[in-house]
Amino acid sequence: MTSFWSGWVIVLTAITLILTTWVLVANRKRERRDSERTTGHVYDGIEEFDNPLPAWWFWMFALTIIWGVGYLVVYPGMGNFPGVLGWTQVNQHDREVAAADEQYRAMRDRYLALSIEEIAVDPAVRKMGARMFGNNCAQCHGGDARGSYGFPNLTDNDWIYGGTPDAIKATLVNGRQAAMPAWEGILGDKGITEVTQYLLALNGRTADSAQASEGEKHFAAYCAACHAADGTGNPMLGSPNLTNGIWLYGGSAEQIAHTLRVGRNGVMPAFSETLSEDKIHILTAYVYGLNK
């Protein structure tokens, strides 16, 4: 917050407290008047007597003002003034997270000492992993881990970068950056159509044989280096298998052609700075166990 807006907040808050106090004190009546005298307000046959507030009510108002002033001295609320305790939501969150980590660290360290294959079937690990997945992964891969357009299904045993425990953990720790180049400038519309037909044929689907034959030549020249000569992909490069009917961005002829034309650049974020080693170990076991 800039100094101007900080001062603006401080001034308005101070004026509000001062005016509230003045209204309370200036309108206080100390003595009870004639019980028959009213304020002149009548509603539904009920008249309002002109008597002072009960003392306890007045002091309750006064105490709330005093409490408010004290709060603004101790905690942040007056612009950039941090309060004498220096309390912030972030600091409190970090302290609570650190306390929880310390409380459960021994349990997680016990799992960290075991292999992912061993703990993947442990009900307690599954439960913890599901919560971590919900907090960190479900936004992209879905609550059921079945993915969506552009986000892989983690339950079908088809892995772009490999489905071994080590490969899954490496993905979580380091993240992934997809790099499918756009081919329209090289292949042109005709070449894009031909490669599309070849990919349809690779999956046993109806395709134009003449176009597929030409597409095979393009595939060998431009695509096989990443996806392998037979189209089965290469997990080391993150190039998907193009023969199993599983498509990250859709498998219709139009969707395949669009991928070839414009390329793809998906990003899987790294969690090494977000999750501790033991949490990544447990989350890896959960993901590994999704299709076991």
C-alpha atoms as a PDB file:
ATOM      1  CA  MET A   1       0.000   0.000   0.000  1.00  0.00           C
ATOM      2  CA  THR A   2       1.387   3.431  -0.933  1.00  0.00           C
ATOM      3  CA  SER A   3       1.988   6.080   1.725  1.00  0.00           C
ATOM      4  CA  PHE A   4      -0.944   8.117   0.429  1.00  0.00           C
ATOM      5  CA  TRP A   5      -3.477   5.323   0.763  1.00  0.00           C
ATOM      6  CA  SER A   6      -1.994   4.259   4.084  1.00  0.00           C
ATOM      7  CA  GLY A   7      -2.492   7.789   5.407  1.00  0.00           C
ATOM      8  CA  TRP A   8      -5.994   7.859   3.903  1.00  0.00           C
ATOM      9  CA  VAL A   9      -6.975   4.702   5.796  1.00  0.00           C
ATOM     10  CA  ILE A  10      -5.433   5.959   9.056  1.00  0.00           C
ATOM     11  CA  VAL A  11      -7.203   9.329   8.863  1.00  0.00           C
ATOM     12  CA  LEU A  12     -10.614   7.857   8.003  1.00  0.00           C
ATOM     13  CA  THR A  13     -10.349   5.230  10.722  1.00  0.00           C
ATOM     14  CA  ALA A  14      -9.329   7.810  13.322  1.00  0.00           C
ATOM     15  CA  ILE A  15     -12.166  10.164  12.303  1.00  0.00           C
ATOM     16  CA  THR A  16     -14.672   7.305  12.519  1.00  0.00           C
ATOM     17  CA  LEU A  17     -13.555   6.383  16.044  1.00  0.00           C
ATOM     18  CA  ILE A  18     -13.602  10.021  17.197  1.00  0.00           C
ATOM     19  CA  LEU A  19     -17.061  10.731  15.747  1.00  0.00           C
ATOM     20  CA  THR A  20     -18.472   7.504  17.171  1.00  0.00           C
ATOM     21  CA  THR A  21     -17.168   8.421  20.611  1.00  0.00           C
ATOM     22  CA  TRP A  22     -18.536  11.963  20.339  1.00  0.00           C
ATOM     23  CA  VAL A  23     -22.003  10.758  19.280  1.00  0.00           C
ATOM     24  CA  LEU A  24     -22.084   8.312  22.183  1.00  0.00           C
ATOM     25  CA  VAL A  25     -20.966  10.816  24.824  1.00  0.00           C
ATOM     26  CA  ALA A  26     -22.750  13.919  23.490  1.00  0.00           C
ATOM     27  CA  ASN A  27     -26.112  12.197  23.422  1.00  0.00           C
ATOM     28  CA  ARG A  28     -25.845  10.564  26.798  1.00  0.00           C
ATOM     29  CA  LYS A  29     -28.493  11.598  29.348  1.00  0.00           C
ATOM     30  CA  ARG A  30     -27.488  11.097  32.926  1.00  0.00           C
ATOM     31  CA  GLU A  31     -30.781  11.768  34.697  1.00  0.00           C
ATOM     32  CA  ARG A  32     -34.090  10.032  34.255  1.00  0.00           C
ATOM     33  CA  ARG A  33     -36.842  12.484  33.310  1.00  0.00           C
ATOM     34  CA  ASP A  34     -40.575  12.395  33.797  1.00  0.00           C
ATOM     35  CA  SER A  35     -41.592   8.852  32.920  1.00  0.00           C
ATOM     36  CA  GLU A  36     -44.534  10.221  30.945  1.00  0.00           C
ATOM     37  CA  ARG A  37     -42.361  12.288  28.595  1.00  0.00           C
ATOM     38  CA  THR A  38     -41.804  10.714  25.175  1.00  0.00           C
ATOM     39  CA  THR A  39     -39.592  11.443  22.190  1.00  0.00           C
ATOM     40  CA  GLY A  40     -42.633  11.844  19.971  1.00  0.00           C
ATOM     41  CA  HIS A  41     -41.882   8.624  18.097  1.00  0.00           C
ATOM     42  CA  VAL A  42     -44.909   6.361  17.793  1.00  0.00           C
ATOM     43  CA  TYR A  43     -44.995   3.072  15.942  1.00  0.00           C
ATOM     44  CA  ASP A  44     -47.904   0.651  15.891  1.00  0.00           C
ATOM     45  CA  GLY A  45     -49.311   2.329  18.986  1.00  0.00           C
ATOM     46  CA  ILE A  46     -46.036   2.044  20.892  1.00  0.00           C
ATOM     47  CA  GLU A  47     -44.487   5.274  22.206  1.00  0.00           C
ATOM     48  CA  GLU A  48     -40.778   5.789  22.935  1.00  0.00           C
ATOM     49  CA  PHE A  49     -40.045   7.317  26.327  1.00  0.00           C
ATOM     50  CA  ASP A  50     -37.339   9.980  26.509  1.00  0.00           C
ATOM     51  CA  ASN A  51     -35.098   8.220  29.038  1.00  0.00           C
ATOM     52  CA  PRO A  52     -31.318   7.707  29.087  1.00  0.00           C
ATOM     53  CA  LEU A  53     -29.685   4.455  28.020  1.00  0.00           C
ATOM     54  CA  PRO A  54     -29.134   1.967  30.821  1.00  0.00           C
ATOM     55  CA  ALA A  55     -25.645   2.388  32.275  1.00  0.00           C
ATOM     56  CA  TRP A  56     -24.593  -1.128  31.308  1.00  0.00           C
ATOM     57  CA  TRP A  57     -25.592  -0.471  27.724  1.00  0.00           C
ATOM     58  CA  PHE A  58     -23.646   2.792  27.585  1.00  0.00           C
ATOM     59  CA  TRP A  59     -20.519   1.170  29.031  1.00  0.00           C
ATOM     60  CA  MET A  60     -20.854  -1.729  26.632  1.00  0.00           C
ATOM     61  CA  PHE A  61     -20.634   0.759  23.750  1.00  0.00           C
ATOM     62  CA  ALA A  62     -17.699   2.490  25.415  1.00  0.00           C
ATOM     63  CA  LEU A  63     -15.858  -0.786  25.909  1.00  0.00           C
ATOM     64  CA  THR A  64     -16.262  -1.733  22.243  1.00  0.00           C
ATOM     65  CA  ILE A  65     -14.625   1.562  21.257  1.00  0.00           C
ATOM     66  CA  ILE A  66     -11.790   1.013  23.730  1.00  0.00           C
ATOM     67  CA  TRP A  67     -11.371  -2.557  22.494  1.00  0.00           C
ATOM     68  CA  GLY A  68     -11.276  -1.332  18.874  1.00  0.00           C
ATOM     69  CA  VAL A  69      -8.552   1.200  19.641  1.00  0.00           C
ATOM     70  CA  GLY A  70      -6.546  -1.461  21.455  1.00  0.00           C
ATOM     71  CA  TYR A  71      -6.947  -3.868  18.552  1.00  0.00           C
ATOM     72  CA  LEU A  72      -5.652  -1.295  16.079  1.00  0.00           C
ATOM     73  CA  VAL A  73      -2.617  -0.703  18.301  1.00  0.00           C
ATOM     74  CA  VAL A  74      -1.773  -4.394  18.697  1.00  0.00           C
ATOM     75  CA  TYR A  75      -2.758  -5.746  15.239  1.00  0.00           C
ATOM     76  CA  PRO A  76      -2.508  -4.297  11.700  1.00  0.00           C
ATOM     77  CA  GLY A  77      -5.466  -2.223  10.604  1.00  0.00           C
ATOM     78  CA  MET A  78      -4.208   1.360  10.416  1.00  0.00           C
ATOM     79  CA  GLY A  79      -2.775   1.496   6.919  1.00  0.00           C
ATOM     80  CA  ASN A  80       0.809   0.274   6.810  1.00  0.00           C
ATOM     81  CA  PHE A  81       1.201   0.260  10.590  1.00  0.00           C
ATOM     82  CA  PRO A  82       1.964  -3.416  11.399  1.00  0.00           C
ATOM     83  CA  GLY A  83       0.785  -3.335  15.007  1.00  0.00           C
ATOM     84  CA  VAL A  84       3.046  -3.722  18.035  1.00  0.00           C
ATOM     85  CA  LEU A  85       2.920  -7.543  17.805  1.00  0.00           C
ATOM     86  CA  GLY A  86       3.919  -7.610  14.136  1.00  0.00           C
ATOM     87  CA  TRP A  87       1.246 -10.249  13.483  1.00  0.00           C
ATOM     88  CA  THR A  88       0.311 -11.192   9.906  1.00  0.00           C
ATOM     89  CA  GLN A  89      -1.874 -13.885   8.407  1.00  0.00           C
ATOM     90  CA  VAL A  90       1.118 -15.221   6.485  1.00  0.00           C
ATOM     91  CA  ASN A  91       3.243 -15.543   9.614  1.00  0.00           C
ATOM     92  CA  GLN A  92       0.477 -17.324  11.488  1.00  0.00           C
ATOM     93  CA  HIS A  93      -0.113 -19.674   8.549  1.00  0.00           C
ATOM     94  CA  ASP A  94       3.593 -20.482   8.339  1.00  0.00           C
ATOM     95  CA  ARG A  95       3.774 -21.179  12.085  1.00  0.00           C
ATOM     96  CA  GLU A  96       0.749 -23.483  11.966  1.00  0.00           C
ATOM     97  CA  VAL A  97       2.083 -25.335   8.921  1.00  0.00           C
ATOM     98  CA  ALA A  98       5.492 -25.721  10.584  1.00  0.00           C
ATOM     99  CA  ALA A  99       3.827 -27.064  13.734  1.00  0.00           C
ATOM    100  CA  ALA A 100       1.778 -29.552  11.713  1.00  0.00           C
ATOM    101  CA  ASP A 101       4.863 -30.632   9.760  1.00  0.00           C
ATOM    102  CA  GLU A 102       6.731 -31.212  12.992  1.00  0.00           C
ATOM    103  CA  GLN A 103       3.834 -33.148  14.454  1.00  0.00           C
ATOM    104  CA  TYR A 104       3.505 -35.513  11.495  1.00  0.00           C
ATOM    105  CA  ARG A 105       7.115 -35.580  10.284  1.00  0.00           C
ATOM    106  CA  ALA A 106       8.002 -38.809  12.093  1.00  0.00           C
ATOM    107  CA  MET A 107       5.099 -40.593  10.441  1.00  0.00           C
ATOM    108  CA  ARG A 108       5.972 -39.281   6.978  1.00  0.00           C
ATOM    109  CA  ASP A 109       9.662 -40.058   7.475  1.00  0.00           C
ATOM    110  CA  ARG A 110       8.678 -43.636   8.199  1.00  0.00           C
ATOM    111  CA  TYR A 111       6.947 -43.822   4.830  1.00  0.00           C
ATOM    112  CA  LEU A 112       9.851 -42.035   3.145  1.00  0.00           C
ATOM    113  CA  ALA A 113      12.147 -44.862   4.226  1.00  0.00           C
ATOM    114  CA  LEU A 114       9.955 -47.376   2.345  1.00  0.00           C
ATOM    115  CA  SER A 115       9.697 -47.871  -1.395  1.00  0.00           C
ATOM    116  CA  ILE A 116       6.841 -46.354  -3.369  1.00  0.00           C
ATOM    117  CA  GLU A 117       5.656 -49.810  -4.408  1.00  0.00           C
ATOM    118  CA  GLU A 118       5.383 -50.809  -0.744  1.00  0.00           C
ATOM    119  CA  ILE A 119       3.378 -47.841   0.449  1.00  0.00           C
ATOM    120  CA  ALA A 120       1.200 -47.443  -2.664  1.00  0.00           C
ATOM    121  CA  VAL A 121      -1.294 -49.964  -1.258  1.00  0.00           C
ATOM    122  CA  ASP A 122      -1.251 -48.640   2.318  1.00  0.00           C
ATOM    123  CA  PRO A 123      -4.743 -47.235   3.148  1.00  0.00           C
ATOM    124  CA  ALA A 124      -3.265 -44.431   5.253  1.00  0.00           C
ATOM    125  CA  VAL A 125      -0.953 -43.397   2.424  1.00  0.00           C
ATOM    126  CA  ARG A 126      -3.831 -43.539  -0.056  1.00  0.00           C
ATOM    127  CA  LYS A 127      -5.866 -41.264   2.193  1.00  0.00           C
ATOM    128  CA  MET A 128      -3.057 -38.729   2.667  1.00  0.00           C
ATOM    129  CA  GLY A 129      -2.140 -38.867  -1.014  1.00  0.00           C
ATOM    130  CA  ALA A 130      -5.735 -38.251  -2.052  1.00  0.00           C
ATOM    131  CA  ARG A 131      -5.817 -35.080   0.054  1.00  0.00           C
ATOM    132  CA  MET A 132      -2.516 -33.860  -1.385  1.00  0.00           C
ATOM    133  CA  PHE A 133      -3.782 -34.652  -4.886  1.00  0.00           C
ATOM    134  CA  GLY A 134      -6.979 -32.722  -4.226  1.00  0.00           C
ATOM    135  CA  ASN A 135      -5.016 -29.687  -3.028  1.00  0.00           C
ATOM    136  CA  ASN A 136      -2.321 -29.654  -5.691  1.00  0.00           C
ATOM    137  CA  CYS A 137      -3.321 -31.693  -8.753  1.00  0.00           C
ATOM    138  CA  ALA A 138      -7.106 -31.940  -9.070  1.00  0.00           C
ATOM    139  CA  GLN A 139      -7.400 -28.438 -10.552  1.00  0.00           C
ATOM    140  CA  CYS A 140      -5.879 -29.778 -13.767  1.00  0.00           C
ATOM    141  CA  HIS A 141      -6.259 -33.554 -13.646  1.00  0.00           C
ATOM    142  CA  GLY A 142      -9.714 -33.594 -12.053  1.00  0.00           C
ATOM    143  CA  GLY A 143     -10.823 -34.902  -8.686  1.00  0.00           C
ATOM    144  CA  ASP A 144     -10.954 -38.427 -10.132  1.00  0.00           C
ATOM    145  CA  ALA A 145      -7.540 -37.997 -11.839  1.00  0.00           C
ATOM    146  CA  ARG A 146      -9.051 -38.769 -15.248  1.00  0.00           C
ATOM    147  CA  GLY A 147      -7.816 -35.514 -16.734  1.00  0.00           C
ATOM    148  CA  SER A 148      -9.476 -33.384 -19.373  1.00  0.00           C
ATOM    149  CA  TYR A 149      -8.619 -31.655 -22.636  1.00  0.00           C
ATOM    150  CA  GLY A 150      -4.876 -30.954 -22.485  1.00  0.00           C
ATOM    151  CA  PHE A 151      -4.418 -32.644 -19.100  1.00  0.00           C
ATOM    152  CA  PRO A 152      -3.437 -36.345 -18.991  1.00  0.00           C
ATOM    153  CA  ASN A 153      -5.580 -39.090 -17.525  1.00  0.00           C
ATOM    154  CA  LEU A 154      -3.546 -40.570 -14.658  1.00  0.00           C
ATOM    155  CA  THR A 155      -5.663 -43.708 -14.294  1.00  0.00           C
ATOM    156  CA  ASP A 156      -5.256 -45.394 -17.686  1.00  0.00           C
ATOM    157  CA  ASN A 157      -1.610 -46.536 -17.431  1.00  0.00           C
ATOM    158  CA  ASP A 158      -0.634 -44.473 -20.472  1.00  0.00           C
ATOM    159  CA  TRP A 159       2.296 -42.272 -19.452  1.00  0.00           C
ATOM    160  CA  ILE A 160       3.892 -39.579 -21.589  1.00  0.00           C
ATOM    161  CA  TYR A 161       7.048 -39.462 -19.461  1.00  0.00           C
ATOM    162  CA  GLY A 162       6.883 -42.983 -18.063  1.00  0.00           C
ATOM    163  CA  GLY A 163       4.852 -44.560 -15.278  1.00  0.00           C
ATOM    164  CA  THR A 164       7.556 -46.015 -13.060  1.00  0.00           C
ATOM    165  CA  PRO A 165       7.805 -44.662  -9.501  1.00  0.00           C
ATOM    166  CA  ASP A 166      11.034 -42.855 -10.354  1.00  0.00           C
ATOM    167  CA  ALA A 167       9.557 -41.303 -13.500  1.00  0.00           C
ATOM    168  CA  ILE A 168       6.425 -40.108 -11.684  1.00  0.00           C
ATOM    169  CA  LYS A 169       8.488 -38.637  -8.852  1.00  0.00           C
ATOM    170  CA  ALA A 170      10.780 -36.878 -11.344  1.00  0.00           C
ATOM    171  CA  THR A 171       7.716 -35.345 -12.986  1.00  0.00           C
ATOM    172  CA  LEU A 172       6.419 -34.071  -9.646  1.00  0.00           C
ATOM    173  CA  VAL A 173       9.794 -32.736  -8.532  1.00  0.00           C
ATOM    174  CA  ASN A 174      10.967 -31.100 -11.759  1.00  0.00           C
ATOM    175  CA  GLY A 175       7.765 -30.502 -13.688  1.00  0.00           C
ATOM    176  CA  ARG A 176       7.478 -30.997 -17.439  1.00  0.00           C
ATOM    177  CA  GLN A 177       7.489 -28.680 -20.453  1.00  0.00           C
ATOM    178  CA  ALA A 178       5.902 -30.050 -23.606  1.00  0.00           C
ATOM    179  CA  ALA A 179       7.405 -28.937 -26.913  1.00  0.00           C
ATOM    180  CA  MET A 180       5.347 -30.043 -29.890  1.00  0.00           C
ATOM    181  CA  PRO A 181       6.339 -27.716 -32.775  1.00  0.00           C
ATOM    182  CA  ALA A 182       3.910 -26.278 -35.300  1.00  0.00           C
ATOM    183  CA  TRP A 183       4.251 -27.936 -38.742  1.00  0.00           C
ATOM    184  CA  GLU A 184       1.974 -25.818 -40.896  1.00  0.00           C
ATOM    185  CA  GLY A 185       4.842 -23.747 -42.239  1.00  0.00           C
ATOM    186  CA  ILE A 186       6.728 -26.883 -43.325  1.00  0.00           C
ATOM    187  CA  LEU A 187       3.968 -29.277 -44.352  1.00  0.00           C
ATOM    188  CA  GLY A 188       1.329 -26.855 -45.585  1.00  0.00           C
ATOM    189  CA  ASP A 189      -2.372 -27.703 -45.609  1.00  0.00           C
ATOM    190  CA  LYS A 190      -1.877 -30.677 -47.925  1.00  0.00           C
ATOM    191  CA  GLY A 191       0.876 -32.187 -45.794  1.00  0.00           C
ATOM    192  CA  ILE A 192      -1.108 -31.640 -42.589  1.00  0.00           C
ATOM    193  CA  THR A 193      -4.052 -33.524 -44.106  1.00  0.00           C
ATOM    194  CA  GLU A 194      -1.800 -36.368 -45.248  1.00  0.00           C
ATOM    195  CA  VAL A 195      -0.116 -36.830 -41.859  1.00  0.00           C
ATOM    196  CA  THR A 196      -3.530 -36.695 -40.189  1.00  0.00           C
ATOM    197  CA  GLN A 197      -4.751 -39.512 -42.405  1.00  0.00           C
ATOM    198  CA  TYR A 198      -1.625 -41.539 -41.638  1.00  0.00           C
ATOM    199  CA  LEU A 199      -2.183 -41.142 -37.890  1.00  0.00           C
ATOM    200  CA  LEU A 200      -5.785 -42.262 -38.289  1.00  0.00           C
ATOM    201  CA  ALA A 201      -4.553 -45.328 -40.158  1.00  0.00           C
ATOM    202  CA  LEU A 202      -1.980 -46.044 -37.419  1.00  0.00           C
ATOM    203  CA  ASN A 203      -4.908 -46.387 -35.015  1.00  0.00           C
ATOM    204  CA  GLY A 204      -6.872 -48.706 -37.296  1.00  0.00           C
ATOM    205  CA  ARG A 205      -9.401 -46.051 -38.177  1.00  0.00           C
ATOM    206  CA  THR A 206     -10.898 -45.224 -41.541  1.00  0.00           C
ATOM    207  CA  ALA A 207      -8.441 -43.180 -43.582  1.00  0.00           C
ATOM    208  CA  ASP A 208      -7.688 -42.218 -47.179  1.00  0.00           C
ATOM    209  CA  SER A 209      -5.033 -44.757 -48.199  1.00  0.00           C
ATOM    210  CA  ALA A 210      -3.337 -42.530 -50.788  1.00  0.00           C
ATOM    211  CA  GLN A 211      -3.086 -39.594 -48.390  1.00  0.00           C
ATOM    212  CA  ALA A 212      -1.979 -41.895 -45.561  1.00  0.00           C
ATOM    213  CA  SER A 213       0.805 -43.254 -47.764  1.00  0.00           C
ATOM    214  CA  GLU A 214       2.119 -39.739 -48.381  1.00  0.00           C
ATOM    215  CA  GLY A 215       1.620 -38.917 -44.716  1.00  0.00           C
ATOM    216  CA  GLU A 216       3.841 -41.838 -43.740  1.00  0.00           C
ATOM    217  CA  LYS A 217       6.680 -40.260 -45.680  1.00  0.00           C
ATOM    218  CA  HIS A 218       6.189 -36.941 -43.889  1.00  0.00           C
ATOM    219  CA  PHE A 219       6.011 -38.754 -40.565  1.00  0.00           C
ATOM    220  CA  ALA A 220       9.305 -40.531 -41.193  1.00  0.00           C
ATOM    221  CA  ALA A 221      10.961 -37.255 -42.157  1.00  0.00           C
ATOM    222  CA  TYR A 222       9.631 -34.964 -39.424  1.00  0.00           C
ATOM    223  CA  CYS A 223       7.923 -36.912 -36.642  1.00  0.00           C
ATOM    224  CA  ALA A 224       9.743 -40.204 -36.166  1.00  0.00           C
ATOM    225  CA  ALA A 225      12.698 -38.539 -34.429  1.00  0.00           C
ATOM    226  CA  CYS A 226      10.479 -37.897 -31.411  1.00  0.00           C
ATOM    227  CA  HIS A 227       7.575 -40.317 -31.749  1.00  0.00           C
ATOM    228  CA  ALA A 228       9.683 -43.265 -33.041  1.00  0.00           C
ATOM    229  CA  ALA A 229       9.395 -44.814 -36.491  1.00  0.00           C
ATOM    230  CA  ASP A 230       6.367 -46.873 -35.497  1.00  0.00           C
ATOM    231  CA  GLY A 231       4.664 -43.945 -33.698  1.00  0.00           C
ATOM    232  CA  THR A 232       4.821 -45.517 -30.245  1.00  0.00           C
ATOM    233  CA  GLY A 233       6.498 -42.464 -28.718  1.00  0.00           C
ATOM    234  CA  ASN A 234       9.480 -41.927 -26.459  1.00  0.00           C
ATOM    235  CA  PRO A 235       9.030 -41.264 -22.708  1.00  0.00           C
ATOM    236  CA  MET A 236      12.548 -39.859 -22.502  1.00  0.00           C
ATOM    237  CA  LEU A 237      11.431 -36.978 -24.729  1.00  0.00           C
ATOM    238  CA  GLY A 238       7.866 -36.805 -23.492  1.00  0.00           C
ATOM    239  CA  SER A 239       6.544 -37.699 -26.948  1.00  0.00           C
ATOM    240  CA  PRO A 240       3.255 -39.620 -26.635  1.00  0.00           C
ATOM    241  CA  ASN A 241       2.298 -42.911 -28.187  1.00  0.00           C
ATOM    242  CA  LEU A 242       0.271 -42.136 -31.319  1.00  0.00           C
ATOM    243  CA  THR A 243      -0.963 -45.676 -31.923  1.00  0.00           C
ATOM    244  CA  ASN A 244      -3.100 -46.505 -28.873  1.00  0.00           C
ATOM    245  CA  GLY A 245      -6.103 -44.259 -29.450  1.00  0.00           C
ATOM    246  CA  ILE A 246      -5.352 -42.076 -26.408  1.00  0.00           C
ATOM    247  CA  TRP A 247      -5.191 -38.388 -27.335  1.00  0.00           C
ATOM    248  CA  LEU A 248      -4.312 -35.567 -24.971  1.00  0.00           C
ATOM    249  CA  TYR A 249      -5.883 -32.888 -27.185  1.00  0.00           C
ATOM    250  CA  GLY A 250      -8.560 -34.987 -28.865  1.00  0.00           C
ATOM    251  CA  GLY A 251      -8.368 -37.678 -31.539  1.00  0.00           C
ATOM    252  CA  SER A 252     -10.777 -36.515 -34.215  1.00  0.00           C
ATOM    253  CA  ALA A 253      -9.317 -35.716 -37.619  1.00  0.00           C
ATOM    254  CA  GLU A 254      -9.927 -32.009 -37.017  1.00  0.00           C
ATOM    255  CA  GLN A 255      -8.258 -32.068 -33.592  1.00  0.00           C
ATOM    256  CA  ILE A 256      -5.235 -34.016 -34.821  1.00  0.00           C
ATOM    257  CA  ALA A 257      -4.826 -31.622 -37.745  1.00  0.00           C
ATOM    258  CA  HIS A 258      -5.066 -28.651 -35.371  1.00  0.00           C
ATOM    259  CA  THR A 259      -2.309 -30.082 -33.154  1.00  0.00           C
ATOM    260  CA  LEU A 260      -0.091 -30.612 -36.200  1.00  0.00           C
ATOM    261  CA  ARG A 261      -0.840 -27.148 -37.506  1.00  0.00           C
ATOM    262  CA  VAL A 262      -0.247 -25.030 -34.377  1.00  0.00           C
ATOM    263  CA  GLY A 263       1.810 -27.314 -32.098  1.00  0.00           C
ATOM    264  CA  ARG A 264       1.359 -27.790 -28.343  1.00  0.00           C
ATOM    265  CA  ASN A 265       3.151 -26.333 -25.333  1.00  0.00           C
ATOM    266  CA  GLY A 266       1.673 -27.853 -22.188  1.00  0.00           C
ATOM    267  CA  VAL A 267       3.251 -27.145 -18.820  1.00  0.00           C
ATOM    268  CA  MET A 268       3.365 -29.359 -15.745  1.00  0.00           C
ATOM    269  CA  PRO A 269       4.586 -27.252 -12.790  1.00  0.00           C
ATOM    270  CA  ALA A 270       7.393 -28.407 -10.526  1.00  0.00           C
ATOM    271  CA  PHE A 271       6.428 -29.128  -6.911  1.00  0.00           C
ATOM    272  CA  SER A 272       9.914 -29.237  -5.406  1.00  0.00           C
ATOM    273  CA  GLU A 273       9.407 -25.750  -3.958  1.00  0.00           C
ATOM    274  CA  THR A 274       5.831 -26.416  -2.874  1.00  0.00           C
ATOM    275  CA  LEU A 275       5.894 -29.870  -1.313  1.00  0.00           C
ATOM    276  CA  SER A 276       8.507 -31.429   0.961  1.00  0.00           C
ATOM    277  CA  GLU A 277      10.364 -34.596  -0.031  1.00  0.00           C
ATOM    278  CA  ASP A 278       8.225 -36.823   2.166  1.00  0.00           C
ATOM    279  CA  LYS A 279       5.003 -35.345   0.778  1.00  0.00           C
ATOM    280  CA  ILE A 280       6.171 -35.841  -2.806  1.00  0.00           C
ATOM    281  CA  HIS A 281       7.032 -39.450  -1.909  1.00  0.00           C
ATOM    282  CA  ILE A 282       3.509 -40.050  -0.612  1.00  0.00           C
ATOM    283  CA  LEU A 283       1.883 -38.223  -3.535  1.00  0.00           C
ATOM    284  CA  THR A 284       3.978 -40.291  -5.958  1.00  0.00           C
ATOM    285  CA  ALA A 285       2.744 -43.469  -4.294  1.00  0.00           C
ATOM    286  CA  TYR A 286      -0.853 -42.273  -4.611  1.00  0.00           C
ATOM    287  CA  VAL A 287      -0.521 -41.465  -8.322  1.00  0.00           C
ATOM    288  CA  TYR A 288       1.387 -44.712  -8.950  1.00  0.00           C
ATOM    289  CA  GLY A 289      -1.398 -46.655  -7.286  1.00  0.00           C
ATOM    290  CA  LEU A 290      -4.206 -45.038  -9.269  1.00  0.00           C
ATOM    291  CA  ASN A 291      -4.020 -47.661 -12.008  1.00  0.00           C
ATOM    292  CA  LYS A 292      -2.847 -50.659 -10.001  1.00  0.00           C
END
